[in-house]
Every structure is written in C-alpha cells, then in structure tokens.
N, C-alpha and C. Protein backbone atom coordinates (compact mmCIF):
# COMPACT_ATOMS: atom_id res chain seq x y z
N MET A 1 -70.75 29.77 -22.77
CA MET A 1 -69.38 30.46 -22.26
C MET A 1 -68.29 29.20 -22.56
N LEU A 2 -68.60 28.15 -22.35
CA LEU A 2 -67.63 27.12 -22.61
C LEU A 2 -67.43 26.92 -24.14
N ALA A 3 -68.50 27.05 -24.82
CA ALA A 3 -68.47 26.84 -26.41
C ALA A 3 -67.64 27.99 -27.00
N MET A 4 -67.95 29.11 -26.46
CA MET A 4 -67.17 30.38 -27.04
C MET A 4 -65.56 30.36 -26.83
N SER A 5 -65.31 29.89 -25.35
CA SER A 5 -63.98 29.88 -25.31
C SER A 5 -63.34 28.75 -25.72
N ALA A 6 -64.10 27.69 -26.36
CA ALA A 6 -63.50 26.54 -27.18
C ALA A 6 -63.21 26.94 -28.51
N ALA A 7 -64.18 27.80 -29.09
CA ALA A 7 -64.17 28.22 -30.52
C ALA A 7 -63.08 29.24 -30.77
N VAL A 8 -62.89 30.06 -29.79
CA VAL A 8 -61.95 31.15 -30.06
C VAL A 8 -60.57 30.59 -30.28
N PRO A 9 -59.92 29.72 -29.45
CA PRO A 9 -58.59 29.29 -29.95
C PRO A 9 -58.62 28.41 -31.23
N LEU A 10 -59.60 27.84 -31.59
CA LEU A 10 -59.80 27.15 -32.87
C LEU A 10 -59.81 28.02 -34.01
N VAL A 11 -60.60 29.18 -33.88
CA VAL A 11 -60.27 30.18 -35.11
C VAL A 11 -59.07 30.85 -34.98
N LEU A 12 -58.62 31.31 -33.72
CA LEU A 12 -57.27 32.20 -33.74
C LEU A 12 -56.11 31.43 -34.17
N SER A 13 -56.19 29.97 -33.69
CA SER A 13 -55.00 29.26 -34.17
C SER A 13 -54.76 29.18 -35.69
N LEU A 14 -55.70 29.64 -36.42
CA LEU A 14 -55.55 29.67 -37.94
C LEU A 14 -54.66 30.95 -38.29
N VAL A 15 -55.05 31.95 -37.39
CA VAL A 15 -54.35 33.36 -37.76
C VAL A 15 -53.17 33.54 -37.20
N LEU A 16 -53.17 33.24 -35.73
CA LEU A 16 -52.03 33.40 -34.89
C LEU A 16 -51.32 32.19 -34.44
N SER A 17 -50.23 32.19 -33.70
CA SER A 17 -49.60 30.95 -33.41
C SER A 17 -50.51 30.30 -32.17
N PRO A 18 -50.32 29.06 -31.84
CA PRO A 18 -51.23 28.44 -30.92
C PRO A 18 -51.00 28.89 -29.45
N SER A 19 -49.81 29.55 -29.15
CA SER A 19 -49.59 30.09 -27.81
C SER A 19 -50.43 31.36 -27.77
N GLN A 20 -50.33 32.23 -28.73
CA GLN A 20 -51.17 33.37 -28.68
C GLN A 20 -52.65 33.21 -28.78
N ALA A 21 -52.99 32.18 -29.49
CA ALA A 21 -54.53 31.76 -29.56
C ALA A 21 -54.91 31.39 -28.12
N GLY A 22 -54.03 30.69 -27.39
CA GLY A 22 -54.45 30.37 -26.08
C GLY A 22 -54.47 31.50 -25.19
N LEU A 23 -53.50 32.26 -25.23
CA LEU A 23 -53.48 33.37 -24.26
C LEU A 23 -54.77 34.24 -24.39
N LEU A 24 -55.00 34.59 -25.78
CA LEU A 24 -56.26 35.37 -25.94
C LEU A 24 -57.75 34.64 -25.53
N ALA A 25 -57.63 33.28 -25.68
CA ALA A 25 -58.76 32.47 -25.33
C ALA A 25 -58.91 32.57 -23.59
N ALA A 26 -57.80 32.54 -23.29
CA ALA A 26 -57.76 32.61 -21.60
C ALA A 26 -58.21 33.91 -21.23
N ALA A 27 -57.75 34.84 -21.85
CA ALA A 27 -58.25 36.19 -21.47
C ALA A 27 -59.65 36.35 -21.74
N MET A 28 -60.16 35.97 -22.73
CA MET A 28 -61.59 36.12 -23.13
C MET A 28 -62.38 35.18 -22.06
N LEU A 29 -61.93 33.92 -21.73
CA LEU A 29 -62.72 33.28 -20.49
C LEU A 29 -62.67 34.02 -19.33
N CYS A 30 -61.63 34.63 -18.92
CA CYS A 30 -61.48 35.35 -17.74
C CYS A 30 -62.52 36.66 -17.81
N ARG A 31 -62.66 37.25 -18.79
CA ARG A 31 -63.54 38.37 -19.01
C ARG A 31 -65.08 37.77 -18.99
N LEU A 32 -65.45 36.57 -19.76
CA LEU A 32 -66.72 36.17 -19.60
C LEU A 32 -67.24 35.68 -18.11
N VAL A 33 -66.20 35.09 -17.38
CA VAL A 33 -66.42 34.64 -16.09
C VAL A 33 -66.70 35.72 -15.13
N GLY A 34 -65.72 36.90 -15.39
CA GLY A 34 -65.92 38.11 -14.70
C GLY A 34 -67.29 38.71 -14.94
N PHE A 35 -67.71 38.87 -16.26
CA PHE A 35 -69.16 39.36 -16.47
C PHE A 35 -70.31 38.40 -15.82
N TRP A 36 -70.06 37.14 -15.76
CA TRP A 36 -71.06 36.17 -15.36
C TRP A 36 -71.16 36.38 -13.83
N PHE A 37 -70.17 36.33 -13.10
CA PHE A 37 -70.22 36.53 -11.60
C PHE A 37 -70.01 37.95 -11.04
N ALA A 38 -69.05 38.62 -11.40
CA ALA A 38 -68.83 39.93 -10.92
C ALA A 38 -69.88 40.99 -11.11
N MET A 39 -70.61 40.96 -12.18
CA MET A 39 -71.56 42.07 -12.53
C MET A 39 -72.75 41.84 -11.70
N PRO A 40 -73.21 40.64 -11.45
CA PRO A 40 -74.52 40.41 -10.78
C PRO A 40 -74.26 40.54 -9.03
N ILE A 41 -72.99 40.32 -8.91
CA ILE A 41 -72.58 40.46 -7.31
C ILE A 41 -72.55 42.00 -7.12
N ARG A 42 -71.87 42.69 -8.19
CA ARG A 42 -71.84 44.05 -7.90
C ARG A 42 -73.27 44.80 -7.88
N HIS A 43 -74.10 44.26 -8.68
CA HIS A 43 -75.45 45.00 -8.74
C HIS A 43 -76.14 44.66 -7.55
N ARG A 44 -76.08 43.57 -7.05
CA ARG A 44 -76.80 42.94 -5.71
C ARG A 44 -76.24 43.74 -4.47
N VAL A 45 -74.98 44.19 -4.58
CA VAL A 45 -74.28 44.82 -3.45
C VAL A 45 -74.92 46.37 -3.47
N ARG A 46 -74.83 46.80 -4.65
CA ARG A 46 -75.30 48.33 -4.91
C ARG A 46 -76.63 48.50 -4.65
N HIS A 47 -77.60 47.71 -4.86
CA HIS A 47 -79.08 47.78 -4.79
C HIS A 47 -79.73 47.04 -3.46
N THR A 48 -78.69 46.52 -2.63
CA THR A 48 -79.27 45.87 -1.36
C THR A 48 -79.40 46.94 -0.14
N ASP A 49 -80.42 47.23 0.37
CA ASP A 49 -80.79 48.02 1.46
C ASP A 49 -80.15 47.32 2.78
N LEU A 50 -79.19 47.97 3.30
CA LEU A 50 -78.56 47.59 4.44
C LEU A 50 -78.94 48.10 5.70
N THR A 51 -79.92 49.25 5.69
CA THR A 51 -80.39 49.79 6.79
C THR A 51 -81.32 48.87 7.63
N PRO A 52 -81.21 48.85 8.79
CA PRO A 52 -82.05 48.15 9.80
C PRO A 52 -83.43 48.59 9.78
N ARG A 53 -84.47 47.64 10.08
CA ARG A 53 -85.98 47.85 9.81
C ARG A 53 -86.42 48.16 11.30
C-alpha cells in the first residue's frame, strides 16, 4: 500500500501538475486504507452472531 501510494505521485507528476498528483495520490491512499480497514470491520459486524447463548 505504501509503495503504491508512493509510485502514483511519481508517475502522475509526469502527466499532471505536482499538486494534482499529490491530491490524487492522497485520495488513492485514503481509498486503500478504507478497503484495508473498513471492509474487514464491516464483514465482521455483519457476520457476528450477537444473540445470547
């Protein structure tokens, strides 16, 4: 995740301005972090049986 978010601004800075490349890289990093943390938490909450035994 860290390597991808470091490579994206490097590549995008060749095509876009550095500020636009930084914004897109930050958005991609937020999305990756969301997938890394939010999706497993959502899955765990949905599939946890909360009824008492």
